[in-house]
Amino acid sequence: MITPLQLFLVLVGVAFGAAGAVCLKVGAVGIEYRGSYLDAIWQMALNPFVVGGFVLYVIPSLIWVVLLKSMPLSLLQPLLAMTYVVTPLMAMLFLSEPISPVRWLGIAVIVVGVCIVARS
């Protein structure tokens, strides 16, 4: 049984992970790869969206460590798959990326799978 606090932390972790991916995408668009690898890494380090994306990826990792103490990995890891649902939705809303019908079908399959795992 998932407690309300655990569910809240899962949802926060999923939302932050998806937001991190959107930030990394925005940051990546602004990076020029014409120079050396060190130049690209320097641009990443100075890009607030890339840095923010990394920070937003770290937060769910910390939440997961807390949740792993009280939840089975075989339940928690599939719940993390909800990131694959939220990320395309954020990409559609904030980046105007289209989502094809086949991709919608895949998202629906993920949701069904997560529901089955959460009920087991």
N, C-alpha and C. Protein backbone atom coordinates (compact mmCIF):
# COMPACT_ATOMS: atom_id res chain seq x y z
N MET A 1 0.84 -1.19 0.00
CA MET A 1 0.00 0.00 0.00
C MET A 1 0.89 1.25 0.00
N ILE A 2 0.57 2.16 -0.88
CA ILE A 2 1.32 3.40 -0.98
C ILE A 2 0.66 4.44 -0.08
N THR A 3 1.43 5.06 0.79
CA THR A 3 0.88 6.09 1.66
C THR A 3 0.71 7.39 0.88
N PRO A 4 -0.12 8.29 1.37
CA PRO A 4 -0.26 9.59 0.69
C PRO A 4 1.07 10.34 0.58
N LEU A 5 1.91 10.26 1.58
CA LEU A 5 3.21 10.95 1.52
C LEU A 5 4.09 10.32 0.43
N GLN A 6 4.11 9.00 0.37
CA GLN A 6 4.90 8.33 -0.66
C GLN A 6 4.40 8.71 -2.05
N LEU A 7 3.09 8.72 -2.24
CA LEU A 7 2.52 9.10 -3.53
C LEU A 7 2.89 10.53 -3.89
N PHE A 8 2.81 11.42 -2.91
CA PHE A 8 3.20 12.81 -3.14
C PHE A 8 4.66 12.91 -3.58
N LEU A 9 5.53 12.20 -2.87
CA LEU A 9 6.95 12.25 -3.21
C LEU A 9 7.22 11.66 -4.59
N VAL A 10 6.52 10.60 -4.95
CA VAL A 10 6.66 10.03 -6.30
C VAL A 10 6.25 11.07 -7.34
N LEU A 11 5.11 11.71 -7.12
CA LEU A 11 4.62 12.71 -8.08
C LEU A 11 5.58 13.90 -8.20
N VAL A 12 6.12 14.34 -7.08
CA VAL A 12 7.09 15.44 -7.10
C VAL A 12 8.34 15.00 -7.86
N GLY A 13 8.81 13.79 -7.59
CA GLY A 13 9.99 13.29 -8.29
C GLY A 13 9.78 13.19 -9.79
N VAL A 14 8.61 12.69 -10.18
CA VAL A 14 8.28 12.58 -11.60
C VAL A 14 8.21 13.96 -12.24
N ALA A 15 7.53 14.89 -11.58
CA ALA A 15 7.39 16.24 -12.14
C ALA A 15 8.74 16.94 -12.27
N PHE A 16 9.59 16.82 -11.25
CA PHE A 16 10.90 17.46 -11.31
C PHE A 16 11.77 16.81 -12.38
N GLY A 17 11.70 15.50 -12.52
CA GLY A 17 12.47 14.82 -13.55
C GLY A 17 12.05 15.25 -14.94
N ALA A 18 10.75 15.36 -15.17
CA ALA A 18 10.25 15.80 -16.48
C ALA A 18 10.63 17.26 -16.73
N ALA A 19 10.52 18.09 -15.71
CA ALA A 19 10.91 19.50 -15.86
C ALA A 19 12.41 19.61 -16.15
N GLY A 20 13.20 18.75 -15.54
CA GLY A 20 14.63 18.73 -15.80
C GLY A 20 14.93 18.41 -17.26
N ALA A 21 14.19 17.47 -17.81
CA ALA A 21 14.39 17.11 -19.22
C ALA A 21 14.04 18.29 -20.13
N VAL A 22 12.97 18.99 -19.83
CA VAL A 22 12.58 20.16 -20.63
C VAL A 22 13.66 21.24 -20.54
N CYS A 23 14.16 21.47 -19.33
CA CYS A 23 15.23 22.47 -19.17
C CYS A 23 16.48 22.08 -19.95
N LEU A 24 16.84 20.81 -19.91
CA LEU A 24 18.03 20.37 -20.65
C LEU A 24 17.82 20.56 -22.15
N LYS A 25 16.62 20.30 -22.64
CA LYS A 25 16.33 20.49 -24.05
C LYS A 25 16.48 21.97 -24.43
N VAL A 26 15.89 22.85 -23.63
CA VAL A 26 16.01 24.29 -23.91
C VAL A 26 17.47 24.72 -23.87
N GLY A 27 18.20 24.24 -22.88
CA GLY A 27 19.61 24.60 -22.77
C GLY A 27 20.44 24.05 -23.92
N ALA A 28 20.15 22.84 -24.35
CA ALA A 28 20.93 22.21 -25.42
C ALA A 28 20.80 22.96 -26.74
N VAL A 29 19.64 23.54 -26.97
CA VAL A 29 19.43 24.29 -28.21
C VAL A 29 20.38 25.49 -28.29
N GLY A 30 20.73 26.06 -27.16
CA GLY A 30 21.58 27.24 -27.15
C GLY A 30 23.07 26.97 -27.14
N ILE A 31 23.47 25.70 -27.20
CA ILE A 31 24.89 25.37 -27.13
C ILE A 31 25.45 25.17 -28.54
N GLU A 32 26.57 25.81 -28.80
CA GLU A 32 27.26 25.68 -30.09
C GLU A 32 28.32 24.59 -29.96
N TYR A 33 28.35 23.67 -30.90
CA TYR A 33 29.31 22.57 -30.85
C TYR A 33 30.40 22.73 -31.90
N ARG A 34 30.76 23.96 -32.19
CA ARG A 34 31.76 24.21 -33.23
C ARG A 34 33.19 24.09 -32.72
N GLY A 35 33.40 24.35 -31.45
CA GLY A 35 34.75 24.31 -30.91
C GLY A 35 35.10 22.94 -30.38
N SER A 36 35.93 22.92 -29.38
CA SER A 36 36.35 21.66 -28.77
C SER A 36 35.27 21.17 -27.80
N TYR A 37 35.46 19.94 -27.34
CA TYR A 37 34.55 19.40 -26.33
C TYR A 37 34.59 20.24 -25.06
N LEU A 38 35.75 20.73 -24.71
CA LEU A 38 35.87 21.57 -23.52
C LEU A 38 35.07 22.85 -23.66
N ASP A 39 35.04 23.40 -24.88
CA ASP A 39 34.24 24.60 -25.12
C ASP A 39 32.76 24.30 -24.93
N ALA A 40 32.30 23.16 -25.44
CA ALA A 40 30.89 22.78 -25.28
C ALA A 40 30.56 22.56 -23.81
N ILE A 41 31.46 21.90 -23.08
CA ILE A 41 31.23 21.67 -21.64
C ILE A 41 31.18 23.00 -20.90
N TRP A 42 32.04 23.94 -21.27
CA TRP A 42 32.04 25.26 -20.64
C TRP A 42 30.72 25.98 -20.91
N GLN A 43 30.23 25.89 -22.15
CA GLN A 43 28.94 26.49 -22.48
C GLN A 43 27.82 25.86 -21.65
N MET A 44 27.88 24.55 -21.47
CA MET A 44 26.86 23.87 -20.65
C MET A 44 26.91 24.36 -19.21
N ALA A 45 28.13 24.50 -18.69
CA ALA A 45 28.29 24.92 -17.30
C ALA A 45 27.78 26.34 -17.07
N LEU A 46 27.81 27.17 -18.13
CA LEU A 46 27.35 28.55 -18.01
C LEU A 46 25.89 28.74 -18.43
N ASN A 47 25.27 27.69 -18.96
CA ASN A 47 23.90 27.79 -19.44
C ASN A 47 22.94 27.53 -18.27
N PRO A 48 22.14 28.52 -17.88
CA PRO A 48 21.27 28.32 -16.71
C PRO A 48 20.23 27.21 -16.90
N PHE A 49 19.80 26.97 -18.13
CA PHE A 49 18.83 25.89 -18.35
C PHE A 49 19.48 24.52 -18.18
N VAL A 50 20.71 24.37 -18.64
CA VAL A 50 21.41 23.10 -18.46
C VAL A 50 21.68 22.86 -16.98
N VAL A 51 22.20 23.87 -16.31
CA VAL A 51 22.47 23.74 -14.88
C VAL A 51 21.17 23.46 -14.13
N GLY A 52 20.11 24.19 -14.45
CA GLY A 52 18.82 23.95 -13.82
C GLY A 52 18.29 22.56 -14.09
N GLY A 53 18.49 22.08 -15.32
CA GLY A 53 18.06 20.73 -15.65
C GLY A 53 18.77 19.68 -14.82
N PHE A 54 20.07 19.86 -14.63
CA PHE A 54 20.82 18.93 -13.79
C PHE A 54 20.33 18.98 -12.34
N VAL A 55 20.07 20.16 -11.84
CA VAL A 55 19.56 20.30 -10.47
C VAL A 55 18.21 19.61 -10.35
N LEU A 56 17.35 19.83 -11.35
CA LEU A 56 16.04 19.20 -11.32
C LEU A 56 16.13 17.68 -11.46
N TYR A 57 17.19 17.15 -12.03
CA TYR A 57 17.41 15.70 -12.08
C TYR A 57 17.92 15.16 -10.75
N VAL A 58 18.67 15.96 -10.02
CA VAL A 58 19.22 15.50 -8.75
C VAL A 58 18.11 15.36 -7.70
N ILE A 59 17.17 16.27 -7.69
CA ILE A 59 16.10 16.25 -6.68
C ILE A 59 15.33 14.94 -6.71
N PRO A 60 14.88 14.44 -7.88
CA PRO A 60 14.19 13.15 -7.87
C PRO A 60 15.09 12.00 -7.39
N SER A 61 16.38 12.09 -7.67
CA SER A 61 17.29 11.05 -7.19
C SER A 61 17.31 11.01 -5.66
N LEU A 62 17.34 12.18 -5.06
CA LEU A 62 17.31 12.25 -3.59
C LEU A 62 15.98 11.74 -3.05
N ILE A 63 14.90 12.11 -3.71
CA ILE A 63 13.58 11.61 -3.30
C ILE A 63 13.53 10.09 -3.40
N TRP A 64 14.12 9.54 -4.47
CA TRP A 64 14.11 8.09 -4.66
C TRP A 64 14.86 7.39 -3.54
N VAL A 65 15.97 7.95 -3.11
CA VAL A 65 16.73 7.34 -2.01
C VAL A 65 15.86 7.29 -0.76
N VAL A 66 15.15 8.38 -0.49
CA VAL A 66 14.26 8.40 0.68
C VAL A 66 13.16 7.34 0.53
N LEU A 67 12.56 7.26 -0.66
CA LEU A 67 11.47 6.31 -0.88
C LEU A 67 11.94 4.86 -0.86
N LEU A 68 13.16 4.62 -1.31
CA LEU A 68 13.67 3.24 -1.33
C LEU A 68 13.78 2.65 0.07
N LYS A 69 13.89 3.51 1.06
CA LYS A 69 13.96 3.03 2.45
C LYS A 69 12.65 2.38 2.88
N SER A 70 11.52 2.85 2.31
CA SER A 70 10.23 2.37 2.79
C SER A 70 9.38 1.67 1.72
N MET A 71 9.88 1.61 0.49
CA MET A 71 9.10 0.99 -0.58
C MET A 71 9.94 -0.04 -1.32
N PRO A 72 9.30 -1.09 -1.82
CA PRO A 72 10.05 -2.06 -2.61
C PRO A 72 10.47 -1.47 -3.96
N LEU A 73 11.68 -1.77 -4.38
CA LEU A 73 12.18 -1.30 -5.66
C LEU A 73 11.29 -1.78 -6.81
N SER A 74 10.75 -2.98 -6.68
CA SER A 74 9.91 -3.54 -7.74
C SER A 74 8.60 -2.76 -7.91
N LEU A 75 8.23 -1.96 -6.95
CA LEU A 75 7.07 -1.07 -7.07
C LEU A 75 7.51 0.34 -7.46
N LEU A 76 8.55 0.81 -6.82
CA LEU A 76 8.98 2.20 -7.02
C LEU A 76 9.51 2.45 -8.43
N GLN A 77 10.30 1.54 -8.95
CA GLN A 77 10.90 1.77 -10.26
C GLN A 77 9.84 1.89 -11.36
N PRO A 78 8.82 1.03 -11.40
CA PRO A 78 7.78 1.24 -12.41
C PRO A 78 7.02 2.57 -12.24
N LEU A 79 6.87 3.03 -11.01
CA LEU A 79 6.22 4.32 -10.81
C LEU A 79 7.04 5.44 -11.44
N LEU A 80 8.35 5.27 -11.46
CA LEU A 80 9.23 6.24 -12.10
C LEU A 80 8.92 6.36 -13.59
N ALA A 81 8.34 5.32 -14.18
CA ALA A 81 8.00 5.34 -15.60
C ALA A 81 6.97 6.43 -15.92
N MET A 82 6.31 6.95 -14.92
CA MET A 82 5.36 8.04 -15.17
C MET A 82 6.10 9.28 -15.70
N THR A 83 7.40 9.33 -15.50
CA THR A 83 8.19 10.41 -16.09
C THR A 83 8.06 10.38 -17.61
N TYR A 84 7.92 9.16 -18.18
CA TYR A 84 7.78 9.02 -19.63
C TYR A 84 6.40 9.46 -20.12
N VAL A 85 5.49 9.70 -19.20
CA VAL A 85 4.17 10.24 -19.52
C VAL A 85 4.19 11.76 -19.39
N VAL A 86 4.76 12.24 -18.30
CA VAL A 86 4.74 13.67 -18.01
C VAL A 86 5.69 14.45 -18.93
N THR A 87 6.83 13.86 -19.26
CA THR A 87 7.80 14.57 -20.11
C THR A 87 7.24 14.94 -21.47
N PRO A 88 6.60 14.02 -22.21
CA PRO A 88 6.03 14.44 -23.50
C PRO A 88 4.94 15.51 -23.35
N LEU A 89 4.17 15.41 -22.28
CA LEU A 89 3.14 16.43 -22.06
C LEU A 89 3.77 17.80 -21.83
N MET A 90 4.84 17.84 -21.04
CA MET A 90 5.54 19.12 -20.83
C MET A 90 6.19 19.61 -22.12
N ALA A 91 6.73 18.68 -22.90
CA ALA A 91 7.35 19.07 -24.17
C ALA A 91 6.30 19.65 -25.12
N MET A 92 5.11 19.08 -25.08
CA MET A 92 4.03 19.59 -25.92
C MET A 92 3.60 20.99 -25.45
N LEU A 93 3.47 21.16 -24.14
CA LEU A 93 3.00 22.43 -23.59
C LEU A 93 4.03 23.55 -23.67
N PHE A 94 5.28 23.23 -23.32
CA PHE A 94 6.29 24.28 -23.19
C PHE A 94 7.20 24.43 -24.40
N LEU A 95 7.33 23.37 -25.19
CA LEU A 95 8.23 23.41 -26.35
C LEU A 95 7.48 23.31 -27.68
N SER A 96 6.16 23.21 -27.60
CA SER A 96 5.31 23.06 -28.79
C SER A 96 5.71 21.86 -29.65
N GLU A 97 6.18 20.80 -29.00
CA GLU A 97 6.51 19.59 -29.73
C GLU A 97 5.23 18.79 -30.01
N PRO A 98 5.08 18.29 -31.22
CA PRO A 98 3.90 17.48 -31.52
C PRO A 98 4.03 16.08 -30.94
N ILE A 99 2.90 15.49 -30.60
CA ILE A 99 2.87 14.10 -30.13
C ILE A 99 2.00 13.32 -31.11
N SER A 100 2.62 12.38 -31.78
CA SER A 100 1.91 11.60 -32.80
C SER A 100 0.93 10.63 -32.14
N PRO A 101 -0.05 10.15 -32.90
CA PRO A 101 -0.99 9.16 -32.35
C PRO A 101 -0.29 7.90 -31.84
N VAL A 102 0.74 7.46 -32.52
CA VAL A 102 1.46 6.27 -32.07
C VAL A 102 2.14 6.55 -30.72
N ARG A 103 2.67 7.75 -30.57
CA ARG A 103 3.29 8.12 -29.29
C ARG A 103 2.23 8.18 -28.18
N TRP A 104 1.04 8.72 -28.49
CA TRP A 104 -0.06 8.73 -27.52
C TRP A 104 -0.40 7.30 -27.09
N LEU A 105 -0.41 6.38 -28.06
CA LEU A 105 -0.69 4.98 -27.73
C LEU A 105 0.37 4.44 -26.78
N GLY A 106 1.62 4.72 -27.05
CA GLY A 106 2.70 4.29 -26.16
C GLY A 106 2.56 4.87 -24.77
N ILE A 107 2.17 6.12 -24.69
CA ILE A 107 1.96 6.76 -23.39
C ILE A 107 0.82 6.07 -22.64
N ALA A 108 -0.24 5.73 -23.35
CA ALA A 108 -1.38 5.04 -22.74
C ALA A 108 -0.95 3.66 -22.22
N VAL A 109 -0.12 2.97 -22.96
CA VAL A 109 0.37 1.65 -22.53
C VAL A 109 1.19 1.80 -21.24
N ILE A 110 2.01 2.84 -21.16
CA ILE A 110 2.79 3.07 -19.95
C ILE A 110 1.86 3.31 -18.76
N VAL A 111 0.86 4.14 -18.95
CA VAL A 111 -0.09 4.45 -17.86
C VAL A 111 -0.78 3.18 -17.39
N VAL A 112 -1.24 2.36 -18.32
CA VAL A 112 -1.90 1.10 -17.95
C VAL A 112 -0.93 0.21 -17.18
N GLY A 113 0.30 0.10 -17.66
CA GLY A 113 1.30 -0.71 -16.98
C GLY A 113 1.59 -0.23 -15.56
N VAL A 114 1.72 1.06 -15.39
CA VAL A 114 1.97 1.61 -14.06
C VAL A 114 0.78 1.34 -13.15
N CYS A 115 -0.43 1.48 -13.66
CA CYS A 115 -1.62 1.20 -12.85
C CYS A 115 -1.66 -0.26 -12.42
N ILE A 116 -1.31 -1.17 -13.33
CA ILE A 116 -1.29 -2.60 -12.97
C ILE A 116 -0.26 -2.86 -11.88
N VAL A 117 0.93 -2.31 -12.03
CA VAL A 117 1.98 -2.52 -11.02
C VAL A 117 1.57 -1.90 -9.69
N ALA A 118 0.99 -0.70 -9.72
CA ALA A 118 0.61 -0.03 -8.46
C ALA A 118 -0.48 -0.77 -7.72
N ARG A 119 -1.34 -1.46 -8.44
CA ARG A 119 -2.43 -2.20 -7.78
C ARG A 119 -2.00 -3.57 -7.28
N SER A 120 -0.87 -4.06 -7.74
CA SER A 120 -0.46 -5.42 -7.37
C SER A 120 0.14 -5.47 -5.98
